[in-house]
Amino acid sequence: MTSPDYPTIMLYIEIEGINGFIQLIKEIQVVKDNNDWAYFESIAGDFGIEGFNTINLKVMAEVAMNVYHNISAEGNN
């Protein structure tokens, strides 16, 4: 994976653990299924990163879900 967000996701897994990451994925999936990004919109500014917004969070959510699916696929092999 070449996304610049991949290292961020891997750092999250290292800090929070795989169970925390799986819980995050479940929450992202519910938000995505309901197309209700209001919570993420409310915290986007809290990251303190200039220009970081809901669009960036959605991209990171997609990357996180791709990482999760890759990890799951590797575990099934």
Protein backbone atom coordinates (compact mmCIF):
# COMPACT_ATOMS: atom_id res chain seq x y z
CA MET A 1 0.00 0.00 0.00
CA THR A 2 1.42 3.35 -0.97
CA SER A 3 -1.02 5.74 0.67
CA PRO A 4 0.62 8.36 2.87
CA ASP A 5 -1.96 7.46 5.51
CA TYR A 6 -0.79 3.84 5.79
CA PRO A 7 1.98 4.63 8.33
CA THR A 8 -0.55 6.54 10.42
CA ILE A 9 -2.86 3.53 10.49
CA MET A 10 -0.01 1.19 11.42
CA LEU A 11 1.03 3.56 14.22
CA TYR A 12 -2.57 3.54 15.47
CA ILE A 13 -2.52 -0.27 15.55
CA GLU A 14 0.80 -0.24 17.39
CA ILE A 15 -0.50 2.19 20.02
CA GLU A 16 -4.10 1.01 20.42
CA GLY A 17 -3.64 -2.65 19.57
CA ILE A 18 -5.48 -4.77 17.05
CA ASN A 19 -8.65 -4.93 19.18
CA GLY A 20 -8.84 -1.13 19.33
CA PHE A 21 -8.31 -1.00 15.57
CA ILE A 22 -11.07 -3.55 14.96
CA GLN A 23 -13.44 -1.50 17.13
CA LEU A 24 -12.53 1.61 15.13
CA ILE A 25 -13.28 -0.23 11.88
CA LYS A 26 -16.70 -1.28 13.21
CA GLU A 27 -17.48 2.33 14.11
CA ILE A 28 -16.30 3.58 10.72
CA GLN A 29 -18.45 0.99 8.96
CA VAL A 30 -21.58 2.09 10.87
CA VAL A 31 -20.86 5.75 10.07
CA LYS A 32 -20.22 4.91 6.42
CA ASP A 33 -23.35 2.74 6.11
CA ASN A 34 -25.50 5.52 7.58
CA ASN A 35 -23.58 8.25 5.72
CA ASP A 36 -23.58 10.22 8.97
CA TRP A 37 -20.19 11.87 9.30
CA ALA A 38 -21.41 14.51 11.79
CA TYR A 39 -19.30 13.11 14.62
CA PHE A 40 -16.19 13.16 12.48
CA GLU A 41 -17.02 16.65 11.26
CA SER A 42 -17.21 17.79 14.87
CA ILE A 43 -13.74 16.45 15.74
CA ALA A 44 -11.87 17.17 12.49
CA GLY A 45 -10.61 20.49 13.84
CA ASP A 46 -9.46 18.90 17.10
CA PHE A 47 -6.53 17.23 15.38
CA GLY A 48 -4.71 20.54 15.12
CA ILE A 49 -3.58 19.87 11.56
CA GLU A 50 -4.00 22.79 9.20
CA GLY A 51 -6.35 21.96 6.35
CA PHE A 52 -7.51 18.70 7.95
CA ASN A 53 -11.22 18.24 7.35
CA THR A 54 -13.94 15.66 6.93
CA ILE A 55 -12.73 14.74 3.45
CA ASN A 56 -9.31 13.86 4.90
CA LEU A 57 -10.99 11.82 7.63
CA LYS A 58 -13.02 9.91 5.04
CA VAL A 59 -9.83 9.14 3.11
CA MET A 60 -8.14 7.92 6.28
CA ALA A 61 -11.24 5.84 7.10
CA GLU A 62 -11.04 4.18 3.68
CA VAL A 63 -7.33 3.49 4.18
CA ALA A 64 -8.05 2.02 7.61
CA MET A 65 -10.73 -0.23 6.15
CA ASN A 66 -8.37 -1.36 3.38
CA VAL A 67 -5.68 -2.16 5.95
CA TYR A 68 -8.24 -4.11 7.98
CA HIS A 69 -9.34 -6.10 4.93
CA ASN A 70 -5.70 -6.83 4.04
CA ILE A 71 -4.96 -8.00 7.59
CA SER A 72 -8.11 -10.15 7.56
CA ALA A 73 -7.19 -11.68 4.21
CA GLU A 74 -3.67 -12.50 5.42
CA GLY A 75 -5.12 -14.15 8.52
CA ASN A 76 -7.30 -16.39 6.37
CA ASN A 77 -4.37 -17.70 4.31
